[in-house]
Amino acid sequence: MSAAPVSVATLAAMKARGERIASLTCYDASFARLLDAAGVDVMLVGDSLGMVLQGHETTVPVTMEHMVYHTASVARARGRALVVGDLPFLACATPERALDNAARLMQDGGAQVVKLEGGAPMLETVRRLSEQGIPVCAHLGLLPQSVNRIGGYRFQGRDHASAEAIRHDALAMQDAGASLLVLECVPAALAGEISRTLSIPVIGIGAGAACDGQVLVLYDMLGLNTRRPPSFSRDFLGECGSIGSAVRGYVEAVRSGAFPAEAETPY
C-alpha cells in the first residue's frame, strides 16, 4: 500500500478504479496512529463522540469547541489517512456561520474535509464552502442531528417519495461542489444506484455493500459500545482478538467486499 497521504483526489481515483474506501470514526491521537498504521483511508472525527465518549443520548449537545479539540488530536497523529471533521448541530445554520466554523475546523483543528448533514436546505452552504476552496462531505439518509425531529434512529428512503428525495439531494450535492457523500441507513438498492450515478465517492453506513466505501463508528466495530449494537455493524475485535488486528480485519473486509455481508444489510 502506498504511503502517500490520502486526499479527496485519491478517493476519486479509488472510485474510478473500483477500489473500496475503508473509513472509521476516530477521536484521539492514539487511535489515529493505530488506524493509520492499519491502512484506514479516512478518519472521520464524528460528532458521534457525544454519544460514545461523552455519554449523551444524541449528538445534539456536541459543540464546535469539542469538534476542534478532537479533530486537532486526530490530525496531529495523522500519517496517511484523510481527516474529515464533522460540523456539529447548528454549526451550519447559515452559510456565513458554516464558513466561519469550517475555517475553525480546518485552521485550528487540522481537518482536511468538513462534513455536514442535510439535503436541499444545505445546498447554498455546500456551494459557498466549495467556492472558498473547502472540501465538503455531504451526509444524507439518517441525519443524527435531526433525531428529535424524525423521532428516533430510523432507516430512511424506504418509500418512493423519500427515496426520490434522497436521489435528488445526492445529485444536487454533487452539483453544488461536494467532494464526498455519506449515505446512512438507506436501502442497499438505493445506495447502490446513487453510488453508480454519482461521480464523487459514496461512503455507506448501514447502506449495503454497493457503495464506494464503508464507515463505522470505531467503538461499534470494536464491540465497545455498551448500547445495543447497530444491526449493520460487526464486532471485529471479538473475531480478531486484538485492536490492531480488528482494524486490519475491517480494512481487509471492506476492500474485499466481505463487509457488509447480507446479515449486516437490513434493507
C-alpha atoms as a PDB file:
ATOM      1  CA  MET A   1       0.000   0.000   0.000  1.00  0.00           C
ATOM      2  CA  SER A   2       1.282   3.439  -0.932  1.00  0.00           C
ATOM      3  CA  ALA A   3       2.369   5.659   1.946  1.00  0.00           C
ATOM      4  CA  ALA A   4       1.345   8.789   0.027  1.00  0.00           C
ATOM      5  CA  PRO A   5      -1.162  10.873   2.006  1.00  0.00           C
ATOM      6  CA  VAL A   6      -4.790  10.360   1.051  1.00  0.00           C
ATOM      7  CA  SER A   7      -6.597  13.343  -0.471  1.00  0.00           C
ATOM      8  CA  VAL A   8     -10.037  13.839  -1.996  1.00  0.00           C
ATOM      9  CA  ALA A   9      -8.352  13.256  -5.370  1.00  0.00           C
ATOM     10  CA  THR A  10      -7.024   9.911  -4.065  1.00  0.00           C
ATOM     11  CA  LEU A  11     -10.541   8.842  -3.116  1.00  0.00           C
ATOM     12  CA  ALA A  12     -11.912   9.902  -6.502  1.00  0.00           C
ATOM     13  CA  ALA A  13      -9.213   7.819  -8.194  1.00  0.00           C
ATOM     14  CA  MET A  14     -10.052   4.834  -5.976  1.00  0.00           C
ATOM     15  CA  LYS A  15     -13.695   5.082  -7.022  1.00  0.00           C
ATOM     16  CA  ALA A  16     -12.684   5.238 -10.680  1.00  0.00           C
ATOM     17  CA  ARG A  17     -10.588   2.085 -10.250  1.00  0.00           C
ATOM     18  CA  GLY A  18     -13.307   0.271  -8.338  1.00  0.00           C
ATOM     19  CA  GLU A  19     -11.253   0.146  -5.120  1.00  0.00           C
ATOM     20  CA  ARG A  20     -13.334   0.280  -1.954  1.00  0.00           C
ATOM     21  CA  ILE A  21     -12.621   3.001   0.605  1.00  0.00           C
ATOM     22  CA  ALA A  22     -12.189   1.978   4.268  1.00  0.00           C
ATOM     23  CA  SER A  23     -13.261   4.616   6.791  1.00  0.00           C
ATOM     24  CA  LEU A  24     -13.699   4.677  10.560  1.00  0.00           C
ATOM     25  CA  THR A  25     -14.561   7.298  13.120  1.00  0.00           C
ATOM     26  CA  CYS A  26     -11.665   8.431  15.303  1.00  0.00           C
ATOM     27  CA  TYR A  27     -11.494  10.848  18.212  1.00  0.00           C
ATOM     28  CA  ASP A  28      -7.949  10.844  19.631  1.00  0.00           C
ATOM     29  CA  ALA A  29      -4.264  10.621  18.719  1.00  0.00           C
ATOM     30  CA  SER A  30      -3.640   7.079  19.986  1.00  0.00           C
ATOM     31  CA  PHE A  31      -6.401   5.539  17.907  1.00  0.00           C
ATOM     32  CA  ALA A  32      -5.440   7.784  14.978  1.00  0.00           C
ATOM     33  CA  ARG A  33      -1.937   6.275  14.897  1.00  0.00           C
ATOM     34  CA  LEU A  34      -3.363   2.757  15.116  1.00  0.00           C
ATOM     35  CA  LEU A  35      -5.963   3.320  12.380  1.00  0.00           C
ATOM     36  CA  ASP A  36      -3.421   4.981  10.121  1.00  0.00           C
ATOM     37  CA  ALA A  37      -0.956   2.103  10.522  1.00  0.00           C
ATOM     38  CA  ALA A  38      -3.722  -0.404   9.720  1.00  0.00           C
ATOM     39  CA  GLY A  39      -4.405   1.223   6.349  1.00  0.00           C
ATOM     40  CA  VAL A  40      -7.628   3.116   7.045  1.00  0.00           C
ATOM     41  CA  ASP A  41      -8.183   5.627   4.229  1.00  0.00           C
ATOM     42  CA  VAL A  42     -10.433   8.135   6.008  1.00  0.00           C
ATOM     43  CA  MET A  43     -10.596   9.001   9.703  1.00  0.00           C
ATOM     44  CA  LEU A  44     -13.895  10.731  10.439  1.00  0.00           C
ATOM     45  CA  VAL A  45     -13.888  12.829  13.593  1.00  0.00           C
ATOM     46  CA  GLY A  46     -17.613  12.461  14.029  1.00  0.00           C
ATOM     47  CA  ASP A  47     -19.955  14.242  16.393  1.00  0.00           C
ATOM     48  CA  SER A  48     -20.825  10.670  17.404  1.00  0.00           C
ATOM     49  CA  LEU A  49     -18.202  11.399  20.081  1.00  0.00           C
ATOM     50  CA  GLY A  50     -21.063  12.978  22.016  1.00  0.00           C
ATOM     51  CA  MET A  51     -22.585   9.534  22.467  1.00  0.00           C
ATOM     52  CA  VAL A  52     -19.585   7.184  22.636  1.00  0.00           C
ATOM     53  CA  LEU A  53     -17.202   9.443  24.588  1.00  0.00           C
ATOM     54  CA  GLN A  54     -19.389  11.926  26.440  1.00  0.00           C
ATOM     55  CA  GLY A  55     -22.346   9.692  27.267  1.00  0.00           C
ATOM     56  CA  HIS A  56     -25.104  11.792  25.695  1.00  0.00           C
ATOM     57  CA  GLU A  57     -28.223  10.226  24.218  1.00  0.00           C
ATOM     58  CA  THR A  58     -27.789  12.123  20.937  1.00  0.00           C
ATOM     59  CA  THR A  59     -25.141  14.123  19.076  1.00  0.00           C
ATOM     60  CA  VAL A  60     -27.009  17.408  19.632  1.00  0.00           C
ATOM     61  CA  PRO A  61     -25.003  18.594  22.706  1.00  0.00           C
ATOM     62  CA  VAL A  62     -21.668  18.452  20.813  1.00  0.00           C
ATOM     63  CA  THR A  63     -20.145  21.911  20.289  1.00  0.00           C
ATOM     64  CA  MET A  64     -17.620  23.428  17.899  1.00  0.00           C
ATOM     65  CA  GLU A  65     -15.112  23.533  20.780  1.00  0.00           C
ATOM     66  CA  HIS A  66     -15.457  19.771  21.197  1.00  0.00           C
ATOM     67  CA  MET A  67     -15.055  19.162  17.473  1.00  0.00           C
ATOM     68  CA  VAL A  68     -11.993  21.401  17.118  1.00  0.00           C
ATOM     69  CA  TYR A  69     -10.325  19.762  20.136  1.00  0.00           C
ATOM     70  CA  HIS A  70     -10.856  16.178  18.973  1.00  0.00           C
ATOM     71  CA  THR A  71     -10.111  16.901  15.316  1.00  0.00           C
ATOM     72  CA  ALA A  72      -6.809  18.500  16.295  1.00  0.00           C
ATOM     73  CA  SER A  73      -5.946  15.449  18.408  1.00  0.00           C
ATOM     74  CA  VAL A  74      -6.507  13.164  15.420  1.00  0.00           C
ATOM     75  CA  ALA A  75      -4.800  15.460  12.910  1.00  0.00           C
ATOM     76  CA  ARG A  76      -1.584  15.613  14.977  1.00  0.00           C
ATOM     77  CA  ALA A  77      -1.203  11.842  14.663  1.00  0.00           C
ATOM     78  CA  ARG A  78      -2.234  11.577  11.034  1.00  0.00           C
ATOM     79  CA  GLY A  79       0.262   9.998   8.671  1.00  0.00           C
ATOM     80  CA  ARG A  80      -1.588   8.825   5.561  1.00  0.00           C
ATOM     81  CA  ALA A  81      -5.341   8.846   6.204  1.00  0.00           C
ATOM     82  CA  LEU A  82      -7.579  11.769   5.248  1.00  0.00           C
ATOM     83  CA  VAL A  83      -9.037  13.624   8.258  1.00  0.00           C
ATOM     84  CA  VAL A  84     -12.704  14.593   7.928  1.00  0.00           C
ATOM     85  CA  GLY A  85     -14.278  16.688  10.692  1.00  0.00           C
ATOM     86  CA  ASP A  86     -17.990  16.993  11.488  1.00  0.00           C
ATOM     87  CA  LEU A  87     -19.700  20.362  11.724  1.00  0.00           C
ATOM     88  CA  PRO A  88     -21.983  19.831  14.749  1.00  0.00           C
ATOM     89  CA  PHE A  89     -25.580  20.796  15.483  1.00  0.00           C
ATOM     90  CA  LEU A  90     -26.488  24.265  14.100  1.00  0.00           C
ATOM     91  CA  ALA A  91     -22.879  24.973  13.088  1.00  0.00           C
ATOM     92  CA  CYS A  92     -24.294  25.407   9.562  1.00  0.00           C
ATOM     93  CA  ALA A  93     -27.417  27.384  10.464  1.00  0.00           C
ATOM     94  CA  THR A  94     -26.436  29.948   7.812  1.00  0.00           C
ATOM     95  CA  PRO A  95     -23.835  29.814   5.038  1.00  0.00           C
ATOM     96  CA  GLU A  96     -21.857  32.540   6.796  1.00  0.00           C
ATOM     97  CA  ARG A  97     -21.842  30.649  10.071  1.00  0.00           C
ATOM     98  CA  ALA A  98     -20.849  27.459   8.261  1.00  0.00           C
ATOM     99  CA  LEU A  99     -17.959  29.257   6.577  1.00  0.00           C
ATOM    100  CA  ASP A 100     -16.658  30.582   9.895  1.00  0.00           C
ATOM    101  CA  ASN A 101     -16.979  27.201  11.601  1.00  0.00           C
ATOM    102  CA  ALA A 102     -15.420  25.311   8.695  1.00  0.00           C
ATOM    103  CA  ALA A 103     -12.461  27.698   8.853  1.00  0.00           C
ATOM    104  CA  ARG A 104     -12.067  26.920  12.575  1.00  0.00           C
ATOM    105  CA  LEU A 105     -12.242  23.187  11.974  1.00  0.00           C
ATOM    106  CA  MET A 106      -9.563  23.386   9.304  1.00  0.00           C
ATOM    107  CA  GLN A 107      -7.256  26.092  10.709  1.00  0.00           C
ATOM    108  CA  ASP A 108      -7.434  25.166  14.415  1.00  0.00           C
ATOM    109  CA  GLY A 109      -8.484  21.532  14.119  1.00  0.00           C
ATOM    110  CA  GLY A 110      -6.465  20.417  11.115  1.00  0.00           C
ATOM    111  CA  ALA A 111      -9.406  18.906   9.234  1.00  0.00           C
ATOM    112  CA  GLN A 112      -8.858  18.408   5.530  1.00  0.00           C
ATOM    113  CA  VAL A 113     -12.550  17.957   4.731  1.00  0.00           C
ATOM    114  CA  VAL A 114     -15.626  19.168   6.629  1.00  0.00           C
ATOM    115  CA  LYS A 115     -18.819  17.119   6.840  1.00  0.00           C
ATOM    116  CA  LEU A 116     -22.309  18.494   7.191  1.00  0.00           C
ATOM    117  CA  GLU A 117     -25.738  16.903   7.446  1.00  0.00           C
ATOM    118  CA  GLY A 118     -28.786  17.718   5.358  1.00  0.00           C
ATOM    119  CA  GLY A 119     -30.201  17.872   1.877  1.00  0.00           C
ATOM    120  CA  ALA A 120     -31.785  20.717  -0.071  1.00  0.00           C
ATOM    121  CA  PRO A 121     -31.568  23.344   2.723  1.00  0.00           C
ATOM    122  CA  MET A 122     -27.783  22.866   2.786  1.00  0.00           C
ATOM    123  CA  LEU A 123     -27.148  23.334  -0.936  1.00  0.00           C
ATOM    124  CA  GLU A 124     -26.317  27.042  -0.696  1.00  0.00           C
ATOM    125  CA  THR A 125     -23.944  26.285   2.181  1.00  0.00           C
ATOM    126  CA  VAL A 126     -22.165  23.494   0.278  1.00  0.00           C
ATOM    127  CA  ARG A 127     -21.810  25.777  -2.736  1.00  0.00           C
ATOM    128  CA  ARG A 128     -20.449  28.606  -0.603  1.00  0.00           C
ATOM    129  CA  LEU A 129     -17.881  26.404   1.140  1.00  0.00           C
ATOM    130  CA  SER A 130     -16.775  24.788  -2.109  1.00  0.00           C
ATOM    131  CA  GLU A 131     -16.325  28.165  -3.770  1.00  0.00           C
ATOM    132  CA  GLN A 132     -13.976  29.093  -0.935  1.00  0.00           C
ATOM    133  CA  GLY A 133     -11.827  26.016  -1.525  1.00  0.00           C
ATOM    134  CA  ILE A 134     -13.200  23.963   1.363  1.00  0.00           C
ATOM    135  CA  PRO A 135     -13.736  20.265   0.532  1.00  0.00           C
ATOM    136  CA  VAL A 136     -17.173  19.157   1.716  1.00  0.00           C
ATOM    137  CA  CYS A 137     -18.510  15.738   2.629  1.00  0.00           C
ATOM    138  CA  ALA A 138     -22.316  15.760   2.420  1.00  0.00           C
ATOM    139  CA  HIS A 139     -24.423  13.444   4.590  1.00  0.00           C
ATOM    140  CA  LEU A 140     -27.865  12.140   3.559  1.00  0.00           C
ATOM    141  CA  GLY A 141     -30.294   9.485   4.752  1.00  0.00           C
ATOM    142  CA  LEU A 142     -30.491   9.181   8.511  1.00  0.00           C
ATOM    143  CA  LEU A 143     -29.359  12.515   9.973  1.00  0.00           C
ATOM    144  CA  PRO A 144     -28.431  12.042  13.648  1.00  0.00           C
ATOM    145  CA  GLN A 145     -28.538  15.801  14.343  1.00  0.00           C
ATOM    146  CA  SER A 146     -32.224  15.732  13.335  1.00  0.00           C
ATOM    147  CA  VAL A 147     -33.153  12.794  15.562  1.00  0.00           C
ATOM    148  CA  ASN A 148     -35.519  14.904  17.666  1.00  0.00           C
ATOM    149  CA  ARG A 149     -37.466  15.902  14.559  1.00  0.00           C
ATOM    150  CA  ILE A 150     -37.667  12.449  12.971  1.00  0.00           C
ATOM    151  CA  GLY A 151     -38.409  10.724  16.296  1.00  0.00           C
ATOM    152  CA  GLY A 152     -35.517   8.270  16.543  1.00  0.00           C
ATOM    153  CA  TYR A 153     -32.787   6.481  14.647  1.00  0.00           C
ATOM    154  CA  ARG A 154     -34.821   5.063  11.780  1.00  0.00           C
ATOM    155  CA  PHE A 155     -33.893   3.853   8.304  1.00  0.00           C
ATOM    156  CA  GLN A 156     -34.706   6.385   5.595  1.00  0.00           C
ATOM    157  CA  GLY A 157     -35.685   6.151   1.935  1.00  0.00           C
ATOM    158  CA  ARG A 158     -37.886   3.090   2.263  1.00  0.00           C
ATOM    159  CA  ASP A 159     -40.863   4.614   0.434  1.00  0.00           C
ATOM    160  CA  HIS A 160     -40.908   6.054  -3.077  1.00  0.00           C
ATOM    161  CA  ALA A 161     -41.186   9.714  -2.114  1.00  0.00           C
ATOM    162  CA  SER A 162     -38.342   9.714   0.413  1.00  0.00           C
ATOM    163  CA  ALA A 163     -36.126   7.632  -1.872  1.00  0.00           C
ATOM    164  CA  GLU A 164     -36.677  10.131  -4.697  1.00  0.00           C
ATOM    165  CA  ALA A 165     -35.805  12.992  -2.344  1.00  0.00           C
ATOM    166  CA  ILE A 166     -32.517  11.318  -1.382  1.00  0.00           C
ATOM    167  CA  ARG A 167     -31.671  10.662  -5.047  1.00  0.00           C
ATOM    168  CA  HIS A 168     -32.397  14.283  -5.933  1.00  0.00           C
ATOM    169  CA  ASP A 169     -30.421  15.652  -2.991  1.00  0.00           C
ATOM    170  CA  ALA A 170     -27.432  13.425  -3.756  1.00  0.00           C
ATOM    171  CA  LEU A 171     -27.171  14.757  -7.310  1.00  0.00           C
ATOM    172  CA  ALA A 172     -27.741  18.306  -6.106  1.00  0.00           C
ATOM    173  CA  MET A 173     -24.968  17.999  -3.511  1.00  0.00           C
ATOM    174  CA  GLN A 174     -22.552  16.829  -6.189  1.00  0.00           C
ATOM    175  CA  ASP A 175     -23.586  19.694  -8.464  1.00  0.00           C
ATOM    176  CA  ALA A 176     -23.105  22.157  -5.579  1.00  0.00           C
ATOM    177  CA  GLY A 177     -19.492  21.039  -5.223  1.00  0.00           C
ATOM    178  CA  ALA A 178     -19.460  18.296  -2.568  1.00  0.00           C
ATOM    179  CA  SER A 179     -16.362  16.093  -2.818  1.00  0.00           C
ATOM    180  CA  LEU A 180     -17.773  13.105  -0.913  1.00  0.00           C
ATOM    181  CA  LEU A 181     -21.135  11.779   0.222  1.00  0.00           C
ATOM    182  CA  VAL A 182     -22.060   9.688   3.259  1.00  0.00           C
ATOM    183  CA  LEU A 183     -25.296   7.703   2.986  1.00  0.00           C
ATOM    184  CA  GLU A 184     -26.565   6.479   6.349  1.00  0.00           C
ATOM    185  CA  CYS A 185     -29.260   3.857   6.896  1.00  0.00           C
ATOM    186  CA  VAL A 186     -30.859   3.751   3.462  1.00  0.00           C
ATOM    187  CA  PRO A 187     -31.857   0.650   1.459  1.00  0.00           C
ATOM    188  CA  ALA A 188     -28.939  -1.081  -0.219  1.00  0.00           C
ATOM    189  CA  ALA A 189     -30.524  -0.896  -3.676  1.00  0.00           C
ATOM    190  CA  LEU A 190     -30.979   2.870  -3.372  1.00  0.00           C
ATOM    191  CA  ALA A 191     -27.437   3.383  -2.095  1.00  0.00           C
ATOM    192  CA  GLY A 192     -26.020   1.266  -4.914  1.00  0.00           C
ATOM    193  CA  GLU A 193     -27.956   3.226  -7.512  1.00  0.00           C
ATOM    194  CA  ILE A 194     -26.729   6.537  -6.116  1.00  0.00           C
ATOM    195  CA  SER A 195     -23.130   5.272  -5.953  1.00  0.00           C
ATOM    196  CA  ARG A 196     -23.242   4.255  -9.601  1.00  0.00           C
ATOM    197  CA  THR A 197     -24.858   7.526 -10.663  1.00  0.00           C
ATOM    198  CA  LEU A 198     -22.557   9.972  -8.871  1.00  0.00           C
ATOM    199  CA  SER A 199     -19.000  10.693  -9.935  1.00  0.00           C
ATOM    200  CA  ILE A 200     -17.950  11.517  -6.356  1.00  0.00           C
ATOM    201  CA  PRO A 201     -17.226   8.694  -3.855  1.00  0.00           C
ATOM    202  CA  VAL A 202     -20.179   7.487  -1.780  1.00  0.00           C
ATOM    203  CA  ILE A 203     -19.413   6.096   1.682  1.00  0.00           C
ATOM    204  CA  GLY A 204     -22.095   3.940   3.241  1.00  0.00           C
ATOM    205  CA  ILE A 205     -23.033   3.188   6.836  1.00  0.00           C
ATOM    206  CA  GLY A 206     -25.932   0.793   7.074  1.00  0.00           C
ATOM    207  CA  ALA A 207     -26.399   1.220   3.314  1.00  0.00           C
ATOM    208  CA  GLY A 208     -25.248  -2.099   1.874  1.00  0.00           C
ATOM    209  CA  ALA A 209     -22.153  -3.288   0.059  1.00  0.00           C
ATOM    210  CA  ALA A 210     -22.598  -1.475  -3.269  1.00  0.00           C
ATOM    211  CA  CYS A 211     -21.276   1.881  -2.015  1.00  0.00           C
ATOM    212  CA  ASP A 212     -17.772   3.020  -2.944  1.00  0.00           C
ATOM    213  CA  GLY A 213     -16.676   2.624   0.660  1.00  0.00           C
ATOM    214  CA  GLN A 214     -17.811   1.950   4.204  1.00  0.00           C
ATOM    215  CA  VAL A 215     -17.613   3.757   7.535  1.00  0.00           C
ATOM    216  CA  LEU A 216     -18.447   2.539  11.036  1.00  0.00           C
ATOM    217  CA  VAL A 217     -18.266   4.080  14.464  1.00  0.00           C
ATOM    218  CA  LEU A 218     -14.966   2.797  15.854  1.00  0.00           C
ATOM    219  CA  TYR A 219     -16.476   1.747  19.169  1.00  0.00           C
ATOM    220  CA  ASP A 220     -19.186  -0.261  17.402  1.00  0.00           C
ATOM    221  CA  MET A 221     -16.745  -2.254  15.233  1.00  0.00           C
ATOM    222  CA  LEU A 222     -14.645  -2.983  18.342  1.00  0.00           C
ATOM    223  CA  GLY A 223     -17.698  -4.130  20.310  1.00  0.00           C
ATOM    224  CA  LEU A 224     -17.016  -1.470  22.956  1.00  0.00           C
ATOM    225  CA  ASN A 225     -20.352   0.300  22.747  1.00  0.00           C
ATOM    226  CA  THR A 226     -22.464  -0.646  25.767  1.00  0.00           C
ATOM    227  CA  ARG A 227     -25.647   0.217  23.892  1.00  0.00           C
ATOM    228  CA  ARG A 228     -27.311  -2.312  21.597  1.00  0.00           C
ATOM    229  CA  PRO A 229     -25.025  -2.536  18.550  1.00  0.00           C
ATOM    230  CA  PRO A 230     -26.431  -1.339  15.211  1.00  0.00           C
ATOM    231  CA  SER A 231     -27.785  -4.098  13.016  1.00  0.00           C
ATOM    232  CA  PHE A 232     -25.376  -3.081  10.242  1.00  0.00           C
ATOM    233  CA  SER A 233     -22.207  -3.279  12.356  1.00  0.00           C
ATOM    234  CA  ARG A 234     -19.854  -6.149  13.201  1.00  0.00           C
ATOM    235  CA  ASP A 235     -17.694  -6.868  16.254  1.00  0.00           C
ATOM    236  CA  PHE A 236     -14.296  -7.225  14.592  1.00  0.00           C
ATOM    237  CA  LEU A 237     -12.465  -7.239  17.941  1.00  0.00           C
ATOM    238  CA  GLY A 238     -14.414 -10.303  19.030  1.00  0.00           C
ATOM    239  CA  GLU A 239     -13.385 -12.029  15.796  1.00  0.00           C
ATOM    240  CA  CYS A 240      -9.731 -10.939  15.706  1.00  0.00           C
ATOM    241  CA  GLY A 241      -8.634 -10.778  19.345  1.00  0.00           C
ATOM    242  CA  SER A 242      -6.657  -7.519  19.355  1.00  0.00           C
ATOM    243  CA  ILE A 243      -7.489  -3.945  18.424  1.00  0.00           C
ATOM    244  CA  GLY A 244      -4.803  -3.723  15.745  1.00  0.00           C
ATOM    245  CA  SER A 245      -5.903  -6.998  14.171  1.00  0.00           C
ATOM    246  CA  ALA A 246      -9.546  -5.909  14.361  1.00  0.00           C
ATOM    247  CA  VAL A 247      -8.899  -2.696  12.442  1.00  0.00           C
ATOM    248  CA  ARG A 248      -6.787  -4.507   9.862  1.00  0.00           C
ATOM    249  CA  GLY A 249      -9.539  -7.113   9.557  1.00  0.00           C
ATOM    250  CA  TYR A 250     -12.104  -4.390   8.984  1.00  0.00           C
ATOM    251  CA  VAL A 251      -9.985  -2.742   6.276  1.00  0.00           C
ATOM    252  CA  GLU A 252      -9.465  -6.069   4.521  1.00  0.00           C
ATOM    253  CA  ALA A 253     -13.160  -6.944   4.747  1.00  0.00           C
ATOM    254  CA  VAL A 254     -14.187  -3.598   3.251  1.00  0.00           C
ATOM    255  CA  ARG A 255     -11.630  -3.834   0.441  1.00  0.00           C
ATOM    256  CA  SER A 256     -12.637  -7.388  -0.480  1.00  0.00           C
ATOM    257  CA  GLY A 257     -16.369  -6.698  -0.267  1.00  0.00           C
ATOM    258  CA  ALA A 258     -16.806  -9.153   2.617  1.00  0.00           C
ATOM    259  CA  PHE A 259     -18.202  -6.331   4.757  1.00  0.00           C
ATOM    260  CA  PRO A 260     -21.026  -5.601   4.938  1.00  0.00           C
ATOM    261  CA  ALA A 261     -22.401  -9.087   4.443  1.00  0.00           C
ATOM    262  CA  GLU A 262     -26.070  -9.886   3.843  1.00  0.00           C
ATOM    263  CA  ALA A 263     -26.673 -10.209   7.583  1.00  0.00           C
ATOM    264  CA  GLU A 264     -25.400  -6.635   8.028  1.00  0.00           C
ATOM    265  CA  THR A 265     -27.698  -5.258   5.324  1.00  0.00           C
ATOM    266  CA  PRO A 266     -31.108  -4.862   6.963  1.00  0.00           C
ATOM    267  CA  TYR A 267     -32.844  -3.376   3.873  1.00  0.00           C
END
